[in-house]
C-alpha atoms as a PDB file:
ATOM      1  CA  MET A   1      62.934  83.327 163.483  1.00  0.00           C
ATOM      2  CA  PRO A   2      61.971  84.639 166.958  1.00  0.00           C
ATOM      3  CA  THR A   3      61.053  88.316 167.063  1.00  0.00           C
ATOM      4  CA  ARG A   4      63.726  89.013 169.671  1.00  0.00           C
ATOM      5  CA  ASP A   5      66.476  87.574 167.466  1.00  0.00           C
ATOM      6  CA  LEU A   6      65.214  89.543 164.474  1.00  0.00           C
ATOM      7  CA  LEU A   7      65.199  92.815 166.398  1.00  0.00           C
ATOM      8  CA  LEU A   8      68.642  92.051 167.797  1.00  0.00           C
ATOM      9  CA  GLN A   9      70.016  91.544 164.290  1.00  0.00           C
ATOM     10  CA  ILE A  10      68.516  94.815 163.053  1.00  0.00           C
ATOM     11  CA  ARG A  11      69.834  96.678 166.093  1.00  0.00           C
ATOM     12  CA  THR A  12      73.313  95.269 165.545  1.00  0.00           C
ATOM     13  CA  ALA A  13      73.311  96.140 161.838  1.00  0.00           C
ATOM     14  CA  ILE A  14      72.231  99.697 162.611  1.00  0.00           C
ATOM     15  CA  GLY A  15      74.991  99.942 165.205  1.00  0.00           C
ATOM     16  CA  PHE A  16      77.658  98.955 162.678  1.00  0.00           C
ATOM     17  CA  LEU A  17      76.500 101.016 159.698  1.00  0.00           C
ATOM     18  CA  THR A  18      75.360 104.116 161.568  1.00  0.00           C
ATOM     19  CA  VAL A  19      76.268 106.215 164.567  1.00  0.00           C
ATOM     20  CA  LEU A  20      73.053 105.159 166.315  1.00  0.00           C
ATOM     21  CA  ARG A  21      73.535 102.927 169.321  1.00  0.00           C
ATOM     22  CA  ILE A  22      70.331 101.186 170.367  1.00  0.00           C
ATOM     23  CA  PRO A  23      70.624  99.669 173.869  1.00  0.00           C
ATOM     24  CA  SER A  24      70.535  95.870 173.931  1.00  0.00           C
ATOM     25  CA  VAL A  25      68.693  93.668 176.379  1.00  0.00           C
ATOM     26  CA  GLY A  26      70.289  90.521 177.768  1.00  0.00           C
ATOM     27  CA  VAL A  27      73.333  88.617 176.573  1.00  0.00           C
ATOM     28  CA  GLN A  28      73.985  88.686 172.842  1.00  0.00           C
ATOM     29  CA  PRO A  29      74.937  85.425 171.096  1.00  0.00           C
ATOM     30  CA  ASP A  30      78.411  85.396 169.568  1.00  0.00           C
ATOM     31  CA  ASP A  31      77.115  85.100 166.018  1.00  0.00           C
ATOM     32  CA  VAL A  32      74.608  87.971 166.147  1.00  0.00           C
ATOM     33  CA  PHE A  33      76.882  90.399 164.313  1.00  0.00           C
ATOM     34  CA  ALA A  34      77.451  87.946 161.496  1.00  0.00           C
ATOM     35  CA  LYS A  35      73.739  87.281 161.116  1.00  0.00           C
ATOM     36  CA  SER A  36      72.965  91.011 161.172  1.00  0.00           C
ATOM     37  CA  THR A  37      74.771  91.494 157.855  1.00  0.00           C
ATOM     38  CA  VAL A  38      71.668  90.359 155.959  1.00  0.00           C
ATOM     39  CA  TRP A  39      70.165  93.751 156.825  1.00  0.00           C
ATOM     40  CA  PHE A  40      73.068  95.760 155.415  1.00  0.00           C
ATOM     41  CA  PRO A  41      71.428  96.339 151.994  1.00  0.00           C
ATOM     42  CA  VAL A  42      68.205  97.608 153.570  1.00  0.00           C
ATOM     43  CA  ILE A  43      70.027 100.010 155.862  1.00  0.00           C
ATOM     44  CA  GLY A  44      72.268 101.059 152.975  1.00  0.00           C
ATOM     45  CA  LEU A  45      69.165 101.910 150.946  1.00  0.00           C
ATOM     46  CA  ILE A  46      67.821 104.091 153.757  1.00  0.00           C
ATOM     47  CA  ILE A  47      71.165 105.853 154.273  1.00  0.00           C
ATOM     48  CA  GLY A  48      71.502 106.458 150.540  1.00  0.00           C
ATOM     49  CA  ALA A  49      68.015 107.924 150.290  1.00  0.00           C
ATOM     50  CA  MET A  50      68.763 110.257 153.206  1.00  0.00           C
ATOM     51  CA  ALA A  51      72.000 111.409 151.596  1.00  0.00           C
ATOM     52  CA  TYR A  52      70.257 112.004 148.269  1.00  0.00           C
ATOM     53  CA  ALA A  53      67.441 113.984 149.896  1.00  0.00           C
ATOM     54  CA  THR A  54      69.744 116.287 151.841  1.00  0.00           C
ATOM     55  CA  GLY A  55      72.041 116.721 148.846  1.00  0.00           C
ATOM     56  CA  SER A  56      69.145 117.610 146.562  1.00  0.00           C
ATOM     57  CA  LEU A  57      67.793 120.112 149.073  1.00  0.00           C
ATOM     58  CA  THR A  58      71.087 121.937 149.535  1.00  0.00           C
ATOM     59  CA  THR A  59      71.682 121.872 145.776  1.00  0.00           C
ATOM     60  CA  ALA A  60      68.326 123.569 145.224  1.00  0.00           C
ATOM     61  CA  ILE A  61      69.090 126.206 147.866  1.00  0.00           C
ATOM     62  CA  PHE A  62      72.784 126.783 147.149  1.00  0.00           C
ATOM     63  CA  SER A  63      74.679 124.905 144.412  1.00  0.00           C
ATOM     64  CA  HIS A  64      75.661 121.421 143.274  1.00  0.00           C
ATOM     65  CA  ASN A  65      79.068 121.816 144.941  1.00  0.00           C
ATOM     66  CA  ILE A  66      77.470 122.539 148.306  1.00  0.00           C
ATOM     67  CA  GLY A  67      75.053 119.689 147.677  1.00  0.00           C
ATOM     68  CA  ALA A  68      77.930 117.286 147.039  1.00  0.00           C
ATOM     69  CA  ILE A  69      79.678 118.360 150.224  1.00  0.00           C
ATOM     70  CA  THR A  70      76.416 117.759 152.062  1.00  0.00           C
ATOM     71  CA  VAL A  71      76.109 114.225 150.692  1.00  0.00           C
ATOM     72  CA  VAL A  72      79.688 113.359 151.670  1.00  0.00           C
ATOM     73  CA  THR A  73      79.160 114.897 155.108  1.00  0.00           C
ATOM     74  CA  VAL A  74      75.897 113.047 155.713  1.00  0.00           C
ATOM     75  CA  LEU A  75      77.444 109.711 154.755  1.00  0.00           C
ATOM     76  CA  ALA A  76      80.392 110.317 157.072  1.00  0.00           C
ATOM     77  CA  ALA A  77      78.220 111.588 159.921  1.00  0.00           C
ATOM     78  CA  VAL A  78      75.694 108.766 159.719  1.00  0.00           C
ATOM     79  CA  SER A  79      78.461 106.160 160.037  1.00  0.00           C
ATOM     80  CA  GLY A  80      80.285 108.158 162.687  1.00  0.00           C
ATOM     81  CA  GLY A  81      83.291 108.222 160.380  1.00  0.00           C
ATOM     82  CA  LEU A  82      83.764 104.489 161.013  1.00  0.00           C
ATOM     83  CA  HIS A  83      84.350 103.473 157.401  1.00  0.00           C
ATOM     84  CA  LEU A  84      86.592 106.448 156.662  1.00  0.00           C
ATOM     85  CA  ASP A  85      88.627 105.630 159.752  1.00  0.00           C
ATOM     86  CA  GLY A  86      88.938 102.070 158.489  1.00  0.00           C
ATOM     87  CA  LEU A  87      90.106 103.373 155.124  1.00  0.00           C
ATOM     88  CA  ALA A  88      92.831 105.485 156.726  1.00  0.00           C
ATOM     89  CA  ASP A  89      93.957 102.718 159.093  1.00  0.00           C
ATOM     90  CA  THR A  90      94.058 100.172 156.280  1.00  0.00           C
ATOM     91  CA  ALA A  91      96.130 102.476 154.069  1.00  0.00           C
ATOM     92  CA  ASP A  92      98.592 103.049 156.914  1.00  0.00           C
ATOM     93  CA  GLY A  93      98.821  99.326 157.617  1.00  0.00           C
ATOM     94  CA  MET A  94      99.387  98.369 153.995  1.00  0.00           C
ATOM     95  CA  ALA A  95     102.075 101.052 153.628  1.00  0.00           C
ATOM     96  CA  THR A  96     103.936  99.926 156.747  1.00  0.00           C
ATOM     97  CA  PRO A  97     106.995  97.706 156.186  1.00  0.00           C
ATOM     98  CA  GLY A  98     107.259  94.603 158.298  1.00  0.00           C
ATOM     99  CA  ASP A  99     105.302  91.448 159.005  1.00  0.00           C
ATOM    100  CA  LYS A 100     101.645  90.824 159.779  1.00  0.00           C
ATOM    101  CA  ALA A 101     102.012  91.808 163.440  1.00  0.00           C
ATOM    102  CA  ASP A 102     103.639  95.129 162.541  1.00  0.00           C
ATOM    103  CA  LYS A 103     100.886  96.017 160.092  1.00  0.00           C
ATOM    104  CA  LEU A 104      98.082  95.019 162.447  1.00  0.00           C
ATOM    105  CA  GLY A 105      99.743  97.017 165.204  1.00  0.00           C
ATOM    106  CA  VAL A 106      99.725 100.162 163.075  1.00  0.00           C
ATOM    107  CA  MET A 107      96.105  99.586 162.053  1.00  0.00           C
ATOM    108  CA  SER A 108      94.958  99.223 165.651  1.00  0.00           C
ATOM    109  CA  ALA A 109      97.013 102.152 166.979  1.00  0.00           C
ATOM    110  CA  GLY A 110      94.390 104.713 165.993  1.00  0.00           C
ATOM    111  CA  ASN A 111      96.903 107.299 164.765  1.00  0.00           C
ATOM    112  CA  THR A 112      96.476 108.326 161.137  1.00  0.00           C
ATOM    113  CA  GLY A 113      99.804 108.452 159.306  1.00  0.00           C
ATOM    114  CA  PRO A 114     100.855 109.952 155.968  1.00  0.00           C
ATOM    115  CA  ALA A 115      99.476 107.105 153.839  1.00  0.00           C
ATOM    116  CA  GLY A 116      96.163 107.143 155.660  1.00  0.00           C
ATOM    117  CA  SER A 117      95.823 110.917 155.458  1.00  0.00           C
ATOM    118  CA  ALA A 118      96.674 111.027 151.757  1.00  0.00           C
ATOM    119  CA  THR A 119      94.281 108.192 150.917  1.00  0.00           C
ATOM    120  CA  LEU A 120      91.492 109.760 152.945  1.00  0.00           C
ATOM    121  CA  ILE A 121      91.900 113.151 151.273  1.00  0.00           C
ATOM    122  CA  MET A 122      92.032 111.677 147.768  1.00  0.00           C
ATOM    123  CA  ILE A 123      88.954 109.489 148.235  1.00  0.00           C
ATOM    124  CA  LEU A 124      86.893 112.280 149.818  1.00  0.00           C
ATOM    125  CA  LEU A 125      87.861 114.727 147.073  1.00  0.00           C
ATOM    126  CA  LEU A 126      87.016 112.165 144.408  1.00  0.00           C
ATOM    127  CA  GLN A 127      83.659 111.396 146.012  1.00  0.00           C
ATOM    128  CA  TRP A 128      82.856 115.107 146.247  1.00  0.00           C
ATOM    129  CA  ALA A 129      83.808 115.751 142.612  1.00  0.00           C
ATOM    130  CA  VAL A 130      81.815 112.792 141.282  1.00  0.00           C
ATOM    131  CA  ILE A 131      78.735 113.550 143.380  1.00  0.00           C
ATOM    132  CA  ALA A 132      78.872 117.207 142.295  1.00  0.00           C
ATOM    133  CA  GLU A 133      78.691 116.018 138.685  1.00  0.00           C
ATOM    134  CA  ILE A 134      75.897 113.571 139.481  1.00  0.00           C
ATOM    135  CA  LEU A 135      73.824 116.328 141.087  1.00  0.00           C
ATOM    136  CA  GLN A 136      73.961 118.190 137.778  1.00  0.00           C
ATOM    137  CA  ILE A 137      72.372 115.316 135.849  1.00  0.00           C
ATOM    138  CA  GLU A 138      69.081 116.459 134.366  1.00  0.00           C
ATOM    139  CA  SER A 139      67.155 113.312 135.271  1.00  0.00           C
ATOM    140  CA  ASN A 140      65.917 113.238 138.872  1.00  0.00           C
ATOM    141  CA  ILE A 141      65.558 109.479 138.595  1.00  0.00           C
ATOM    142  CA  MET A 142      69.178 109.041 137.514  1.00  0.00           C
ATOM    143  CA  ARG A 143      70.438 111.240 140.346  1.00  0.00           C
ATOM    144  CA  PHE A 144      68.433 109.257 142.877  1.00  0.00           C
ATOM    145  CA  MET A 145      69.573 105.919 141.458  1.00  0.00           C
ATOM    146  CA  ALA A 146      73.225 106.975 141.382  1.00  0.00           C
ATOM    147  CA  ILE A 147      73.534 108.178 144.968  1.00  0.00           C
ATOM    148  CA  THR A 148      71.109 105.793 146.667  1.00  0.00           C
ATOM    149  CA  GLY A 149      72.209 102.803 144.605  1.00  0.00           C
ATOM    150  CA  SER A 150      75.909 103.393 145.242  1.00  0.00           C
ATOM    151  CA  VAL A 151      75.422 103.560 149.002  1.00  0.00           C
ATOM    152  CA  LEU A 152      73.246 100.437 148.951  1.00  0.00           C
ATOM    153  CA  ILE A 153      75.788  98.476 146.911  1.00  0.00           C
ATOM    154  CA  SER A 154      78.760  99.556 149.022  1.00  0.00           C
ATOM    155  CA  ARG A 155      77.087  98.289 152.206  1.00  0.00           C
ATOM    156  CA  TRP A 156      75.954  95.113 150.456  1.00  0.00           C
ATOM    157  CA  THR A 157      79.541  94.207 149.546  1.00  0.00           C
ATOM    158  CA  ALA A 158      80.399  93.712 153.229  1.00  0.00           C
ATOM    159  CA  ILE A 159      78.371  90.488 153.163  1.00  0.00           C
ATOM    160  CA  PRO A 160      80.452  88.521 150.630  1.00  0.00           C
ATOM    161  CA  MET A 161      83.681  90.064 151.919  1.00  0.00           C
ATOM    162  CA  SER A 162      83.032  88.792 155.442  1.00  0.00           C
ATOM    163  CA  ALA A 163      81.991  85.391 154.110  1.00  0.00           C
ATOM    164  CA  PHE A 164      84.858  84.687 151.737  1.00  0.00           C
ATOM    165  CA  PHE A 165      87.817  86.246 153.572  1.00  0.00           C
ATOM    166  CA  ARG A 166      89.003  84.923 156.899  1.00  0.00           C
ATOM    167  CA  PRO A 167      89.671  87.219 159.879  1.00  0.00           C
ATOM    168  CA  ALA A 168      93.229  88.429 160.378  1.00  0.00           C
ATOM    169  CA  ARG A 169      92.809  88.506 164.165  1.00  0.00           C
ATOM    170  CA  LEU A 170      91.526  85.925 166.626  1.00  0.00           C
ATOM    171  CA  SER A 171      89.251  88.586 168.072  1.00  0.00           C
ATOM    172  CA  GLY A 172      87.555  91.734 166.887  1.00  0.00           C
ATOM    173  CA  LEU A 173      84.974  92.740 164.316  1.00  0.00           C
ATOM    174  CA  GLY A 174      86.335  90.691 161.442  1.00  0.00           C
ATOM    175  CA  LYS A 175      86.261  87.550 163.576  1.00  0.00           C
ATOM    176  CA  SER A 176      82.716  88.254 164.801  1.00  0.00           C
ATOM    177  CA  MET A 177      81.429  88.447 161.249  1.00  0.00           C
ATOM    178  CA  GLN A 178      82.793  84.956 160.557  1.00  0.00           C
ATOM    179  CA  LEU A 179      80.864  83.268 163.376  1.00  0.00           C
ATOM    180  CA  LYS A 180      77.928  82.050 161.328  1.00  0.00           C
ATOM    181  CA  PRO A 181      76.591  79.389 159.005  1.00  0.00           C
ATOM    182  CA  LYS A 182      78.070  81.086 155.927  1.00  0.00           C
ATOM    183  CA  ALA A 183      75.914  79.688 153.141  1.00  0.00           C
ATOM    184  CA  PRO A 184      72.420  80.614 154.457  1.00  0.00           C
ATOM    185  CA  ILE A 185      73.378  84.060 155.737  1.00  0.00           C
ATOM    186  CA  THR A 186      75.382  84.986 152.665  1.00  0.00           C
ATOM    187  CA  THR A 187      72.708  83.736 150.277  1.00  0.00           C
ATOM    188  CA  ILE A 188      69.923  85.659 152.007  1.00  0.00           C
ATOM    189  CA  GLY A 189      71.954  88.862 152.240  1.00  0.00           C
ATOM    190  CA  LEU A 190      73.116  88.704 148.633  1.00  0.00           C
ATOM    191  CA  SER A 191      69.563  88.008 147.476  1.00  0.00           C
ATOM    192  CA  ILE A 192      68.139  90.970 149.381  1.00  0.00           C
ATOM    193  CA  GLY A 193      70.720  93.267 147.822  1.00  0.00           C
ATOM    194  CA  LEU A 194      70.054  91.887 144.344  1.00  0.00           C
ATOM    195  CA  VAL A 195      66.302  92.407 144.689  1.00  0.00           C
ATOM    196  CA  LEU A 196      66.664  95.948 146.038  1.00  0.00           C
ATOM    197  CA  ILE A 197      69.142  97.124 143.395  1.00  0.00           C
ATOM    198  CA  SER A 198      67.036  95.516 140.648  1.00  0.00           C
ATOM    199  CA  ILE A 199      63.973  97.404 141.857  1.00  0.00           C
ATOM    200  CA  LEU A 200      65.960 100.613 142.195  1.00  0.00           C
ATOM    201  CA  VAL A 201      67.926 100.514 138.934  1.00  0.00           C
ATOM    202  CA  GLY A 202      66.467  97.675 136.874  1.00  0.00           C
ATOM    203  CA  TRP A 203      68.275  94.605 135.608  1.00  0.00           C
ATOM    204  CA  SER A 204      71.255  96.773 134.672  1.00  0.00           C
ATOM    205  CA  GLY A 205      71.812  97.109 138.412  1.00  0.00           C
ATOM    206  CA  ILE A 206      73.590  93.752 138.297  1.00  0.00           C
ATOM    207  CA  VAL A 207      76.458  95.439 136.446  1.00  0.00           C
ATOM    208  CA  PHE A 208      76.804  97.987 139.246  1.00  0.00           C
ATOM    209  CA  LEU A 209      76.737  95.197 141.824  1.00  0.00           C
ATOM    210  CA  VAL A 210      79.566  93.435 140.020  1.00  0.00           C
ATOM    211  CA  VAL A 211      81.688  96.600 139.911  1.00  0.00           C
ATOM    212  CA  GLY A 212      81.076  97.225 143.609  1.00  0.00           C
ATOM    213  CA  LEU A 213      81.937  93.620 144.383  1.00  0.00           C
ATOM    214  CA  LEU A 214      85.141  93.683 142.332  1.00  0.00           C
ATOM    215  CA  SER A 215      86.377  96.901 143.941  1.00  0.00           C
ATOM    216  CA  SER A 216      85.704  95.557 147.442  1.00  0.00           C
ATOM    217  CA  THR A 217      87.383  92.280 146.565  1.00  0.00           C
ATOM    218  CA  PHE A 218      90.451  94.170 145.357  1.00  0.00           C
ATOM    219  CA  VAL A 219      90.792  95.940 148.717  1.00  0.00           C
ATOM    220  CA  CYS A 220      90.242  92.791 150.772  1.00  0.00           C
ATOM    221  CA  GLN A 221      92.555  90.699 148.608  1.00  0.00           C
ATOM    222  CA  LEU A 222      95.283  93.325 148.905  1.00  0.00           C
ATOM    223  CA  ALA A 223      94.922  93.292 152.683  1.00  0.00           C
ATOM    224  CA  ALA A 224      94.683  89.503 152.896  1.00  0.00           C
ATOM    225  CA  ARG A 225      98.022  89.121 151.138  1.00  0.00           C
ATOM    226  CA  GLN A 226      99.729  91.288 153.738  1.00  0.00           C
ATOM    227  CA  ILE A 227      97.925  90.482 156.986  1.00  0.00           C
ATOM    228  CA  ASP A 228      96.616  87.014 156.137  1.00  0.00           C
ATOM    229  CA  GLY A 229      92.948  88.011 156.351  1.00  0.00           C
ATOM    230  CA  ILE A 230      90.717  91.025 156.899  1.00  0.00           C
ATOM    231  CA  THR A 231      89.654  93.172 159.845  1.00  0.00           C
ATOM    232  CA  GLY A 232      86.830  95.589 160.588  1.00  0.00           C
ATOM    233  CA  ASP A 233      89.082  98.366 159.279  1.00  0.00           C
ATOM    234  CA  VAL A 234      89.521  96.541 155.986  1.00  0.00           C
ATOM    235  CA  LEU A 235      85.765  96.073 155.681  1.00  0.00           C
ATOM    236  CA  GLY A 236      85.306  99.814 156.229  1.00  0.00           C
ATOM    237  CA  ALA A 237      87.917 100.557 153.585  1.00  0.00           C
ATOM    238  CA  SER A 238      86.264  98.184 151.119  1.00  0.00           C
ATOM    239  CA  ILE A 239      82.926  99.933 151.649  1.00  0.00           C
ATOM    240  CA  GLU A 240      84.427 103.349 150.855  1.00  0.00           C
ATOM    241  CA  ILE A 241      86.288 102.114 147.774  1.00  0.00           C
ATOM    242  CA  SER A 242      83.189 100.296 146.534  1.00  0.00           C
ATOM    243  CA  LEU A 243      81.113 103.446 147.039  1.00  0.00           C
ATOM    244  CA  THR A 244      83.581 105.542 145.053  1.00  0.00           C
ATOM    245  CA  ALA A 245      83.860 103.034 142.205  1.00  0.00           C
ATOM    246  CA  THR A 246      80.094 102.644 141.903  1.00  0.00           C
ATOM    247  CA  LEU A 247      79.526 106.406 141.910  1.00  0.00           C
ATOM    248  CA  LEU A 248      82.076 106.720 139.102  1.00  0.00           C
ATOM    249  CA  LEU A 249      80.289 104.048 137.077  1.00  0.00           C
ATOM    250  CA  PHE A 250      76.905 105.713 137.550  1.00  0.00           C
ATOM    251  CA  LEU A 251      78.401 109.015 136.383  1.00  0.00           C
ATOM    252  CA  PHE A 252      79.997 107.373 133.358  1.00  0.00           C
ATOM    253  CA  VAL A 253      76.749 105.620 132.413  1.00  0.00           C
ATOM    254  CA  SER A 254      74.752 108.842 132.792  1.00  0.00           C
ATOM    255  CA  MET A 255      77.042 110.486 130.234  1.00  0.00           C
ATOM    256  CA  GLN A 256      76.123 107.921 127.590  1.00  0.00           C
ATOM    257  CA  THR A 257      73.353 109.359 125.411  1.00  0.00           C
ATOM    258  CA  ASP A 258      71.936 105.922 124.586  1.00  0.00           C
ATOM    259  CA  PHE A 259      71.422 104.905 128.220  1.00  0.00           C
ATOM    260  CA  THR A 260      67.857 105.030 129.515  1.00  0.00           C
ATOM    261  CA  PRO A 261      67.287 104.098 133.166  1.00  0.00           C
ATOM    262  CA  SER A 262      64.563 101.506 133.676  1.00  0.00           C
ATOM    263  CA  PRO A 263      63.937 101.092 137.398  1.00  0.00           C
ATOM    264  CA  PHE A 264      61.015  98.858 138.359  1.00  0.00           C
ATOM    265  CA  TRP A 265      59.577 101.435 140.751  1.00  0.00           C
ATOM    266  CA  VAL A 266      58.834 104.017 138.034  1.00  0.00           C
END
């Protein structure tokens, strides 16, 4: 793979998952966004580690509640609120009566309605409450695995979602992610995520991957039934739901007295 193409893929992945916008040089090929998804797990790992570090620092200075708010804020700020906006738009679209065109029109309007606002508030409150509990876990390793691993997995799920669900629009982000040789890109991206989560959590990380995958699939399947595919908003919503579900599972597992984390990096 030429160095220029590699750097272009990384730049594009950073641009989607974070608020950073690295200037591009020259004309980008149509399939660059799709190919960039292989880097989602790596960037998710970095974002998760940043969120954990800032949350741990503010917890040490103030309290676990402030630490949890910090983690939620960092995750939202790093993505520029993109995924949360997708969550709200998707909720509004799914709650709107009418056909595919009506729902897509609401989702692209950019105005958050009652369904979107309610969903956004509930998910953010749930994330805050779960993370606050996680930050009280005695094991530093478990806290790190829970927050970093959940963020990694949630970003990783965008790879299979973009591969197995068709775009609802003939243009836009969802369509761009489909312009690729699906099998090689999907296989590489899934493998990178599997290796990273196995190193981070151990072989039990596969269970967390499955839960993240199932929760994302639920969101995308729900949308696909109503708008005949997925969009960038739906992908953002699936990331947030996957993050929340995985955090909940990590918290549940940490409460089991017979569970001993066995990450490969320790």
